[in-house]
Amino acid sequence: MKKMQKSIKLFVIALIVACQASYAQTNKTLENQPPKHAYIFTADSLAGFDEKAARDRAISSGLYGEEYKVGMFLFKREFVNSKYGIT
């Protein structure tokens, strides 16, 4: 009986340690950050960007909902990178 109780205690301790170890592996800093496609570009960076053409391009590509937001972000990022020679 004592051996069974000792085994149960060791199992519970091992389970607690395993749970703590897996919790420590999560990246808590990324959980609180907004998604990258929520970035708001400054107006001067987007000067010359054709929003309507980009919107039409996104819709014709079948982007809707969250995909639309990501697509618009990528179109804007592509424009800014091209405008300022960023590779």
Protein backbone atom coordinates (compact mmCIF):
# COMPACT_ATOMS: atom_id res chain seq x y z
CA MET A 1 0.00 0.00 0.00
CA LYS A 2 2.83 2.40 0.88
CA LYS A 3 4.53 1.62 -2.42
CA MET A 4 1.31 2.48 -4.30
CA GLN A 5 0.96 5.83 -2.48
CA LYS A 6 4.59 6.67 -3.22
CA SER A 7 4.08 5.82 -6.90
CA ILE A 8 0.99 8.04 -7.08
CA LYS A 9 2.83 10.94 -5.43
CA LEU A 10 5.74 10.58 -7.86
CA PHE A 11 3.33 10.47 -10.79
CA VAL A 12 1.54 13.63 -9.64
CA ILE A 13 4.85 15.45 -9.16
CA ALA A 14 6.05 14.35 -12.60
CA LEU A 15 2.76 15.51 -14.13
CA ILE A 16 3.04 18.93 -12.48
CA VAL A 17 6.63 19.34 -13.66
CA ALA A 18 5.69 18.32 -17.21
CA CYS A 19 2.83 20.82 -17.30
CA GLN A 20 5.05 23.62 -16.03
CA ALA A 21 7.71 22.82 -18.61
CA SER A 22 5.25 22.95 -21.50
CA TYR A 23 3.78 26.22 -20.24
CA ALA A 24 7.23 27.77 -20.14
CA GLN A 25 7.69 27.04 -23.85
CA THR A 26 4.89 29.37 -24.95
CA ASN A 27 5.95 32.78 -26.21
CA LYS A 28 3.91 35.19 -24.14
CA THR A 29 5.35 38.30 -25.81
CA LEU A 30 3.87 37.43 -29.21
CA GLU A 31 0.41 36.78 -27.79
CA ASN A 32 -0.07 40.45 -26.91
CA GLN A 33 1.10 41.90 -30.21
CA PRO A 34 -1.33 42.87 -32.97
CA PRO A 35 -1.01 40.98 -36.25
CA LYS A 36 1.45 42.45 -38.74
CA HIS A 37 -1.28 43.19 -41.28
CA ALA A 38 -2.83 45.61 -38.75
CA TYR A 39 0.15 47.94 -39.24
CA ILE A 40 -0.92 51.41 -40.33
CA PHE A 41 1.39 53.01 -42.86
CA THR A 42 1.97 56.74 -42.63
CA ALA A 43 0.27 58.94 -45.21
CA ASP A 44 3.55 60.17 -46.70
CA SER A 45 4.73 56.59 -47.23
CA LEU A 46 1.58 55.77 -49.16
CA ALA A 47 1.57 58.97 -51.23
CA GLY A 48 0.98 57.78 -54.79
CA PHE A 49 -0.46 54.41 -53.77
CA ASP A 50 -3.57 53.57 -55.81
CA GLU A 51 -5.92 52.20 -53.16
CA LYS A 52 -8.76 51.52 -55.61
CA ALA A 53 -6.53 49.52 -57.97
CA ALA A 54 -5.15 47.52 -55.04
CA ARG A 55 -8.68 46.87 -53.75
CA ASP A 56 -9.81 45.71 -57.19
CA ARG A 57 -6.71 43.50 -57.46
CA ALA A 58 -7.44 41.93 -54.06
CA ILE A 59 -11.10 41.26 -54.86
CA SER A 60 -10.32 39.89 -58.32
CA SER A 61 -7.80 37.56 -56.66
CA GLY A 62 -10.58 36.22 -54.46
CA LEU A 63 -9.37 37.77 -51.22
CA TYR A 64 -12.12 38.35 -48.65
CA GLY A 65 -12.24 38.88 -44.91
CA GLU A 66 -8.93 38.38 -43.13
CA GLU A 67 -7.22 37.42 -46.41
CA TYR A 68 -8.29 40.77 -47.88
CA LYS A 69 -6.64 42.64 -45.00
CA VAL A 70 -3.43 40.65 -45.41
CA GLY A 71 -3.48 41.17 -49.18
CA MET A 72 -3.93 44.93 -48.83
CA PHE A 73 -1.10 45.04 -46.29
CA LEU A 74 1.16 43.15 -48.70
CA PHE A 75 0.24 45.46 -51.61
CA LYS A 76 1.03 48.49 -49.46
CA ARG A 77 4.27 46.95 -48.20
CA GLU A 78 5.27 46.14 -51.78
CA PHE A 79 4.57 49.76 -52.81
CA VAL A 80 6.54 51.25 -49.90
CA ASN A 81 9.46 48.88 -50.48
CA SER A 82 9.53 49.80 -54.16
CA LYS A 83 9.18 53.54 -53.46
CA TYR A 84 12.06 53.65 -50.99
CA GLY A 85 14.23 50.96 -52.62
CA ILE A 86 13.89 48.53 -49.72
CA THR A 87 14.79 44.94 -50.53
